[in-house]
Every structure is written in structure tokens, then in C-alpha cells.
PDB file of N, CA and C in Angstrom:
ATOM      1  N   MET A   1      78.347  95.201  76.361  1.00  0.00           N
ATOM      2  CA  MET A   1      78.624  94.450  77.553  1.00  0.00           C
ATOM      3  C   MET A   1      79.431  95.327  78.511  1.00  0.00           C
ATOM      4  N   LYS A   2      79.024  95.359  79.749  1.00  0.00           N
ATOM      5  CA  LYS A   2      79.684  96.185  80.753  1.00  0.00           C
ATOM      6  C   LYS A   2      80.874  95.434  81.347  1.00  0.00           C
ATOM      7  N   GLU A   3      82.015  96.137  81.411  1.00  0.00           N
ATOM      8  CA  GLU A   3      83.205  95.521  82.000  1.00  0.00           C
ATOM      9  C   GLU A   3      83.141  95.651  83.511  1.00  0.00           C
ATOM     10  N   ILE A   4      83.549  94.602  84.173  1.00  0.00           N
ATOM     11  CA  ILE A   4      83.588  94.611  85.625  1.00  0.00           C
ATOM     12  C   ILE A   4      85.044  94.761  86.047  1.00  0.00           C
ATOM     13  N   ALA A   5      85.328  95.802  86.799  1.00  0.00           N
ATOM     14  CA  ALA A   5      86.694  96.017  87.284  1.00  0.00           C
ATOM     15  C   ALA A   5      86.915  95.134  88.502  1.00  0.00           C
ATOM     16  N   MET A   6      87.942  94.327  88.425  1.00  0.00           N
ATOM     17  CA  MET A   6      88.248  93.436  89.537  1.00  0.00           C
ATOM     18  C   MET A   6      89.471  93.969  90.274  1.00  0.00           C
ATOM     19  N   ALA A   7      89.365  94.000  91.568  1.00  0.00           N
ATOM     20  CA  ALA A   7      90.513  94.413  92.374  1.00  0.00           C
ATOM     21  C   ALA A   7      91.503  93.261  92.406  1.00  0.00           C
ATOM     22  N   SER A   8      92.735  93.567  92.106  1.00  0.00           N
ATOM     23  CA  SER A   8      93.746  92.518  92.166  1.00  0.00           C
ATOM     24  C   SER A   8      94.882  92.997  93.046  1.00  0.00           C
ATOM     25  N   SER A   9      95.336  92.095  93.879  1.00  0.00           N
ATOM     26  CA  SER A   9      96.471  92.418  94.727  1.00  0.00           C
ATOM     27  C   SER A   9      97.579  91.423  94.422  1.00  0.00           C
ATOM     28  N   PHE A  10      98.785  91.874  94.583  1.00  0.00           N
ATOM     29  CA  PHE A  10      99.936  91.031  94.291  1.00  0.00           C
ATOM     30  C   PHE A  10     100.414  90.399  95.586  1.00  0.00           C
ATOM     31  N   GLU A  11     100.218  89.108  95.726  1.00  0.00           N
ATOM     32  CA  GLU A  11     100.654  88.356  96.891  1.00  0.00           C
ATOM     33  C   GLU A  11     101.715  87.358  96.446  1.00  0.00           C
ATOM     34  N   PRO A  12     102.985  87.626  96.737  1.00  0.00           N
ATOM     35  CA  PRO A  12     104.048  86.704  96.322  1.00  0.00           C
ATOM     36  C   PRO A  12     103.828  85.293  96.872  1.00  0.00           C
ATOM     37  N   GLN A  13     103.996  84.303  96.011  1.00  0.00           N
ATOM     38  CA  GLN A  13     103.825  82.910  96.401  1.00  0.00           C
ATOM     39  C   GLN A  13     105.142  82.160  96.448  1.00  0.00           C
ATOM     40  N   PHE A  14     106.174  82.709  95.817  1.00  0.00           N
ATOM     41  CA  PHE A  14     107.442  82.009  95.706  1.00  0.00           C
ATOM     42  C   PHE A  14     108.564  82.730  96.447  1.00  0.00           C
ATOM     43  N   HIS A  15     108.216  83.777  97.202  1.00  0.00           N
ATOM     44  CA  HIS A  15     109.176  84.545  97.982  1.00  0.00           C
ATOM     45  C   HIS A  15     108.594  84.825  99.365  1.00  0.00           C
ATOM     46  N   LYS A  16     109.477  85.022 100.342  1.00  0.00           N
ATOM     47  CA  LYS A  16     109.065  85.318 101.708  1.00  0.00           C
ATOM     48  C   LYS A  16     109.736  86.610 102.148  1.00  0.00           C
ATOM     49  N   ARG A  17     108.977  87.505 102.780  1.00  0.00           N
ATOM     50  CA  ARG A  17     109.537  88.760 103.295  1.00  0.00           C
ATOM     51  C   ARG A  17     110.258  88.460 104.607  1.00  0.00           C
ATOM     52  N   VAL A  18     111.490  88.948 104.716  1.00  0.00           N
ATOM     53  CA  VAL A  18     112.304  88.750 105.907  1.00  0.00           C
ATOM     54  C   VAL A  18     112.679  90.126 106.450  1.00  0.00           C
ATOM     55  N   LEU A  19     112.409  90.338 107.743  1.00  0.00           N
ATOM     56  CA  LEU A  19     112.775  91.601 108.373  1.00  0.00           C
ATOM     57  C   LEU A  19     114.234  91.550 108.792  1.00  0.00           C
ATOM     58  N   ARG A  20     114.945  92.635 108.540  1.00  0.00           N
ATOM     59  CA  ARG A  20     116.353  92.728 108.904  1.00  0.00           C
ATOM     60  C   ARG A  20     116.492  93.482 110.223  1.00  0.00           C
ATOM     61  N   ASP A  21     117.678  93.413 110.818  1.00  0.00           N
ATOM     62  CA  ASP A  21     117.935  94.063 112.103  1.00  0.00           C
ATOM     63  C   ASP A  21     117.673  95.561 112.064  1.00  0.00           C
ATOM     64  N   LYS A  22     117.949  96.177 110.941  1.00  0.00           N
ATOM     65  CA  LYS A  22     117.805  97.630 110.812  1.00  0.00           C
ATOM     66  C   LYS A  22     116.349  98.063 110.656  1.00  0.00           C
ATOM     67  N   GLY A  23     115.435  97.110 110.612  1.00  0.00           N
ATOM     68  CA  GLY A  23     114.024  97.439 110.471  1.00  0.00           C
ATOM     69  C   GLY A  23     113.509  97.371 109.053  1.00  0.00           C
ATOM     70  N   ASP A  24     114.417  97.320 108.073  1.00  0.00           N
ATOM     71  CA  ASP A  24     113.961  97.196 106.688  1.00  0.00           C
ATOM     72  C   ASP A  24     113.743  95.720 106.372  1.00  0.00           C
ATOM     73  N   SER A  25     113.218  95.451 105.224  1.00  0.00           N
ATOM     74  CA  SER A  25     112.933  94.061 104.864  1.00  0.00           C
ATOM     75  C   SER A  25     113.462  93.742 103.476  1.00  0.00           C
ATOM     76  N   ILE A  26     113.668  92.463 103.243  1.00  0.00           N
ATOM     77  CA  ILE A  26     114.071  91.961 101.933  1.00  0.00           C
ATOM     78  C   ILE A  26     113.201  90.758 101.617  1.00  0.00           C
ATOM     79  N   TRP A  27     113.197  90.373 100.358  1.00  0.00           N
ATOM     80  CA  TRP A  27     112.458  89.186  99.929  1.00  0.00           C
ATOM     81  C   TRP A  27     113.451  88.076  99.631  1.00  0.00           C
ATOM     82  N   VAL A  28     113.142  86.873 100.098  1.00  0.00           N
ATOM     83  CA  VAL A  28     114.002  85.713  99.900  1.00  0.00           C
ATOM     84  C   VAL A  28     113.209  84.657  99.136  1.00  0.00           C
ATOM     85  N   ALA A  29     113.828  84.096  98.105  1.00  0.00           N
ATOM     86  CA  ALA A  29     113.171  83.039  97.332  1.00  0.00           C
ATOM     87  C   ALA A  29     112.981  81.810  98.210  1.00  0.00           C
ATOM     88  N   LEU A  30     111.796  81.234  98.150  1.00  0.00           N
ATOM     89  CA  LEU A  30     111.529  80.009  98.897  1.00  0.00           C
ATOM     90  C   LEU A  30     112.137  78.822  98.159  1.00  0.00           C
ATOM     91  N   PRO A  31     112.609  77.823  98.900  1.00  0.00           N
ATOM     92  CA  PRO A  31     113.141  76.636  98.224  1.00  0.00           C
ATOM     93  C   PRO A  31     112.007  75.883  97.532  1.00  0.00           C
ATOM     94  N   GLN A  32     112.361  75.113  96.532  1.00  0.00           N
ATOM     95  CA  GLN A  32     111.352  74.308  95.845  1.00  0.00           C
ATOM     96  C   GLN A  32     110.857  73.223  96.789  1.00  0.00           C
ATOM     97  N   PRO A  33     109.562  72.944  96.770  1.00  0.00           N
ATOM     98  CA  PRO A  33     109.057  71.840  97.586  1.00  0.00           C
ATOM     99  C   PRO A  33     109.708  70.526  97.158  1.00  0.00           C
ATOM    100  N   ARG A  34     110.031  69.689  98.119  1.00  0.00           N
ATOM    101  CA  ARG A  34     110.669  68.403  97.791  1.00  0.00           C
ATOM    102  C   ARG A  34     109.739  67.492  97.007  1.00  0.00           C
ATOM    103  N   THR A  35     108.454  67.728  97.120  1.00  0.00           N
ATOM    104  CA  THR A  35     107.479  66.895  96.423  1.00  0.00           C
ATOM    105  C   THR A  35     107.210  67.366  95.001  1.00  0.00           C
ATOM    106  N   LEU A  36     107.896  68.421  94.581  1.00  0.00           N
ATOM    107  CA  LEU A  36     107.680  68.968  93.243  1.00  0.00           C
ATOM    108  C   LEU A  36     108.131  67.969  92.179  1.00  0.00           C
ATOM    109  N   LEU A  37     107.252  67.683  91.244  1.00  0.00           N
ATOM    110  CA  LEU A  37     107.584  66.755  90.169  1.00  0.00           C
ATOM    111  C   LEU A  37     108.656  67.357  89.269  1.00  0.00           C
ATOM    112  N   PRO A  38     109.586  66.538  88.793  1.00  0.00           N
ATOM    113  CA  PRO A  38     110.659  67.056  87.938  1.00  0.00           C
ATOM    114  C   PRO A  38     110.164  67.871  86.745  1.00  0.00           C
ATOM    115  N   VAL A  39     109.045  67.486  86.152  1.00  0.00           N
ATOM    116  CA  VAL A  39     108.541  68.227  84.990  1.00  0.00           C
ATOM    117  C   VAL A  39     108.034  69.617  85.370  1.00  0.00           C
ATOM    118  N   LYS A  40     107.725  69.824  86.633  1.00  0.00           N
ATOM    119  CA  LYS A  40     107.203  71.114  87.080  1.00  0.00           C
ATOM    120  C   LYS A  40     108.306  72.055  87.565  1.00  0.00           C
ATOM    121  N   ILE A  41     109.528  71.552  87.735  1.00  0.00           N
ATOM    122  CA  ILE A  41     110.625  72.370  88.247  1.00  0.00           C
ATOM    123  C   ILE A  41     110.882  73.577  87.350  1.00  0.00           C
ATOM    124  N   THR A  42     110.869  73.374  86.037  1.00  0.00           N
ATOM    125  CA  THR A  42     111.104  74.477  85.104  1.00  0.00           C
ATOM    126  C   THR A  42     110.039  75.553  85.262  1.00  0.00           C
ATOM    127  N   PHE A  43     108.778  75.141  85.399  1.00  0.00           N
ATOM    128  CA  PHE A  43     107.695  76.100  85.582  1.00  0.00           C
ATOM    129  C   PHE A  43     107.859  76.848  86.898  1.00  0.00           C
ATOM    130  N   TYR A  44     108.209  76.120  87.957  1.00  0.00           N
ATOM    131  CA  TYR A  44     108.396  76.733  89.268  1.00  0.00           C
ATOM    132  C   TYR A  44     109.476  77.815  89.200  1.00  0.00           C
ATOM    133  N   ARG A  45     110.603  77.489  88.588  1.00  0.00           N
ATOM    134  CA  ARG A  45     111.706  78.452  88.467  1.00  0.00           C
ATOM    135  C   ARG A  45     111.291  79.668  87.646  1.00  0.00           C
ATOM    136  N   ARG A  46     110.542  79.435  86.571  1.00  0.00           N
ATOM    137  CA  ARG A  46     110.086  80.539  85.724  1.00  0.00           C
ATOM    138  C   ARG A  46     109.145  81.455  86.503  1.00  0.00           C
ATOM    139  N   TRP A  47     108.182  80.866  87.218  1.00  0.00           N
ATOM    140  CA  TRP A  47     107.237  81.662  87.997  1.00  0.00           C
ATOM    141  C   TRP A  47     107.968  82.441  89.086  1.00  0.00           C
ATOM    142  N   GLN A  48     108.959  81.792  89.710  1.00  0.00           N
ATOM    143  CA  GLN A  48     109.713  82.456  90.758  1.00  0.00           C
ATOM    144  C   GLN A  48     110.505  83.635  90.180  1.00  0.00           C
ATOM    145  N   CYS A  49     111.082  83.455  89.007  1.00  0.00           N
ATOM    146  CA  CYS A  49     111.834  84.522  88.347  1.00  0.00           C
ATOM    147  C   CYS A  49     110.909  85.685  87.984  1.00  0.00           C
ATOM    148  N   GLU A  50     109.736  85.376  87.434  1.00  0.00           N
ATOM    149  CA  GLU A  50     108.775  86.421  87.077  1.00  0.00           C
ATOM    150  C   GLU A  50     108.334  87.195  88.316  1.00  0.00           C
ATOM    151  N   GLU A  51     108.129  86.473  89.417  1.00  0.00           N
ATOM    152  CA  GLU A  51     107.721  87.120  90.649  1.00  0.00           C
ATOM    153  C   GLU A  51     108.841  88.015  91.186  1.00  0.00           C
ATOM    154  N   ARG A  52     110.087  87.549  91.103  1.00  0.00           N
ATOM    155  CA  ARG A  52     111.234  88.347  91.549  1.00  0.00           C
ATOM    156  C   ARG A  52     111.307  89.653  90.763  1.00  0.00           C
ATOM    157  N   LEU A  53     111.141  89.554  89.442  1.00  0.00           N
ATOM    158  CA  LEU A  53     111.178  90.751  88.599  1.00  0.00           C
ATOM    159  C   LEU A  53     110.059  91.726  88.968  1.00  0.00           C
ATOM    160  N   LYS A  54     108.883  91.199  89.261  1.00  0.00           N
ATOM    161  CA  LYS A  54     107.761  92.054  89.629  1.00  0.00           C
ATOM    162  C   LYS A  54     108.031  92.751  90.962  1.00  0.00           C
ATOM    163  N   LEU A  55     108.598  92.019  91.924  1.00  0.00           N
ATOM    164  CA  LEU A  55     108.942  92.627  93.209  1.00  0.00           C
ATOM    165  C   LEU A  55     109.985  93.728  93.028  1.00  0.00           C
ATOM    166  N   GLU A  56     110.983  93.473  92.175  1.00  0.00           N
ATOM    167  CA  GLU A  56     112.017  94.473  91.914  1.00  0.00           C
ATOM    168  C   GLU A  56     111.428  95.708  91.238  1.00  0.00           C
ATOM    169  N   GLU A  57     110.469  95.508  90.338  1.00  0.00           N
ATOM    170  CA  GLU A  57     109.802  96.641  89.686  1.00  0.00           C
ATOM    171  C   GLU A  57     109.040  97.493  90.698  1.00  0.00           C
ATOM    172  N   LEU A  58     108.579  96.846  91.770  1.00  0.00           N
ATOM    173  CA  LEU A  58     107.864  97.564  92.825  1.00  0.00           C
ATOM    174  C   LEU A  58     108.824  98.239  93.803  1.00  0.00           C
ATOM    175  N   GLY A  59     110.140  98.124  93.538  1.00  0.00           N
ATOM    176  CA  GLY A  59     111.137  98.774  94.379  1.00  0.00           C
ATOM    177  C   GLY A  59     111.587  97.956  95.570  1.00  0.00           C
ATOM    178  N   GLU A  60     111.240  96.675  95.593  1.00  0.00           N
ATOM    179  CA  GLU A  60     111.618  95.811  96.706  1.00  0.00           C
ATOM    180  C   GLU A  60     113.020  95.245  96.491  1.00  0.00           C
ATOM    181  N   THR A  61     113.696  94.919  97.594  1.00  0.00           N
ATOM    182  CA  THR A  61     114.996  94.265  97.535  1.00  0.00           C
ATOM    183  C   THR A  61     114.758  92.767  97.573  1.00  0.00           C
ATOM    184  N   VAL A  62     115.333  92.044  96.607  1.00  0.00           N
ATOM    185  CA  VAL A  62     115.110  90.606  96.496  1.00  0.00           C
ATOM    186  C   VAL A  62     116.448  89.895  96.350  1.00  0.00           C
ATOM    187  N   LEU A  63     116.670  88.876  97.188  1.00  0.00           N
ATOM    188  CA  LEU A  63     117.843  88.035  97.004  1.00  0.00           C
ATOM    189  C   LEU A  63     117.590  87.162  95.791  1.00  0.00           C
ATOM    190  N   LYS A  64     118.588  86.963  94.955  1.00  0.00           N
ATOM    191  CA  LYS A  64     118.405  86.227  93.699  1.00  0.00           C
ATOM    192  C   LYS A  64     118.168  84.735  93.911  1.00  0.00           C
ATOM    193  N   GLU A  65     118.820  84.145  94.908  1.00  0.00           N
ATOM    194  CA  GLU A  65     118.670  82.712  95.142  1.00  0.00           C
ATOM    195  C   GLU A  65     118.430  82.456  96.614  1.00  0.00           C
ATOM    196  N   PHE A  66     117.753  81.351  96.908  1.00  0.00           N
ATOM    197  CA  PHE A  66     117.511  80.966  98.290  1.00  0.00           C
ATOM    198  C   PHE A  66     118.841  80.703  98.977  1.00  0.00           C
ATOM    199  N   GLY A  67     119.009  81.300 100.138  1.00  0.00           N
ATOM    200  CA  GLY A  67     120.220  81.078 100.912  1.00  0.00           C
ATOM    201  C   GLY A  67     121.426  81.838 100.409  1.00  0.00           C
ATOM    202  N   GLY A  68     121.266  82.644  99.342  1.00  0.00           N
ATOM    203  CA  GLY A  68     122.410  83.331  98.764  1.00  0.00           C
ATOM    204  C   GLY A  68     122.494  84.779  99.091  1.00  0.00           C
TER     205      GLY A  68
END
């Protein structure tokens, strides 16, 4: 069976890029949607943490918490 190579790009879903005055950028965690079900909050936080770690591995600057 022949393997098909799929192009994958990393598009953050739980962080937003913010441009700073100096021209550089940082990533800020997005707040949880107010409509998020309580049982999904743990998953949301886990996915956001995994995404933060991946951004940091790529050399990006990431604020640890929204608004912090």
C-alpha cells in the first residue's frame, strides 16, 4: 500500500498573535467561550496548554494566561 504524504500546517486555535509596538509579536491565550460546557473546560485547557507548548517549541513568545 502506498503512503500518501499529507501537508499539515499548524494553525493555533486557542491563541491569538498580537503585534507589539516594537514590531515583534507574541501569542496570547484566548479566553474560554462563555458557552463552553463545564465538562469540556478541562479539555479546552489541556488543548490550550498543548498548543502553548508547541508554539514555544517553535520559538514563539507566549503569555501563559489570558490577560496576564
